[in-house]
Amino acid sequence: MCLAIPGEIVKMIEPDSALVAFGESRVKINLSFVEGVKLGDYVIAHSGFALSVLDEEEAIAQLALWEEYREKMAE
């Protein structure tokens, strides 16, 4: 089973890589599999690669679900 989480691009590093925020963590992600990605976009990433781009509304909805899950697990 794999887990792919939405993250926000916070810094473009090279043409094919960016720094992506996953909560408090910042991870360098390869952008080779997605086109036209820019600062502020949300991507679904797995194993260091962006697999798809999400619109902001969908990303925020998914992140809210992750937060709800985290809260339930903390109970």
Protein backbone atom coordinates (compact mmCIF):
# COMPACT_ATOMS: atom_id res chain seq x y z
CA MET A 1 0.00 0.00 0.00
CA CYS A 2 1.26 3.48 -0.78
CA LEU A 3 0.33 6.81 0.66
CA ALA A 4 0.24 9.98 -1.44
CA ILE A 5 -0.40 13.26 0.34
CA PRO A 6 -1.19 16.74 -1.01
CA GLY A 7 1.49 19.36 -0.48
CA GLU A 8 1.93 22.99 -1.49
CA ILE A 9 4.84 24.16 -3.62
CA VAL A 10 6.60 26.81 -1.55
CA LYS A 11 9.80 27.26 -3.59
CA MET A 12 10.85 26.38 -7.10
CA ILE A 13 14.39 24.98 -6.95
CA GLU A 14 15.19 23.89 -10.49
CA PRO A 15 13.08 23.49 -13.64
CA ASP A 16 12.12 19.97 -12.55
CA SER A 17 12.10 20.22 -8.75
CA ALA A 18 10.54 22.23 -5.95
CA LEU A 19 10.35 22.49 -2.20
CA VAL A 20 6.93 21.23 -1.13
CA ALA A 21 5.29 21.82 2.27
CA PHE A 22 3.60 18.88 3.93
CA GLY A 23 2.42 20.46 7.17
CA GLU A 24 5.57 21.57 8.99
CA SER A 25 7.85 19.44 6.79
CA ARG A 26 9.55 20.73 3.64
CA VAL A 27 10.65 18.14 1.07
CA LYS A 28 12.41 18.46 -2.28
CA ILE A 29 10.11 16.88 -4.87
CA ASN A 30 10.80 16.00 -8.51
CA LEU A 31 8.30 17.60 -10.92
CA SER A 32 9.19 15.61 -14.05
CA PHE A 33 5.79 13.88 -14.22
CA VAL A 34 3.66 17.07 -14.09
CA GLU A 35 3.57 20.02 -16.46
CA GLY A 36 3.03 23.71 -15.86
CA VAL A 37 3.43 23.54 -12.09
CA LYS A 38 4.09 26.85 -10.35
CA LEU A 39 4.65 28.34 -6.93
CA GLY A 40 1.55 27.95 -4.73
CA ASP A 41 0.18 24.92 -6.61
CA TYR A 42 -0.77 21.79 -4.71
CA VAL A 43 0.56 18.43 -5.85
CA ILE A 44 0.02 14.83 -4.89
CA ALA A 45 3.44 13.37 -4.18
CA HIS A 46 4.77 9.88 -3.55
CA SER A 47 8.36 8.66 -3.18
CA GLY A 48 9.81 12.06 -4.02
CA PHE A 49 7.81 12.64 -7.21
CA ALA A 50 4.80 14.85 -7.89
CA LEU A 51 2.23 12.58 -9.54
CA SER A 52 -0.56 15.08 -10.19
CA VAL A 53 -1.64 18.65 -9.59
CA LEU A 54 -4.71 19.42 -7.46
CA ASP A 55 -6.79 22.54 -7.55
CA GLU A 56 -6.67 24.46 -4.29
CA GLU A 57 -10.25 23.60 -3.27
CA GLU A 58 -9.65 19.85 -3.62
CA ALA A 59 -6.29 20.08 -1.81
CA ILE A 60 -7.83 21.94 1.13
CA ALA A 61 -10.65 19.37 1.35
CA GLN A 62 -8.17 16.47 1.36
CA LEU A 63 -5.97 18.15 3.97
CA ALA A 64 -9.03 18.69 6.19
CA LEU A 65 -9.76 14.96 5.99
CA TRP A 66 -6.15 14.16 6.97
CA GLU A 67 -6.45 16.53 9.94
CA GLU A 68 -9.72 14.88 11.01
CA TYR A 69 -8.03 11.47 10.79
CA ARG A 70 -5.05 12.72 12.84
CA GLU A 71 -7.39 14.05 15.53
CA LYS A 72 -9.33 10.77 15.72
CA MET A 73 -6.10 8.77 16.02
CA ALA A 74 -4.96 11.04 18.87
CA GLU A 75 -8.10 10.26 20.92
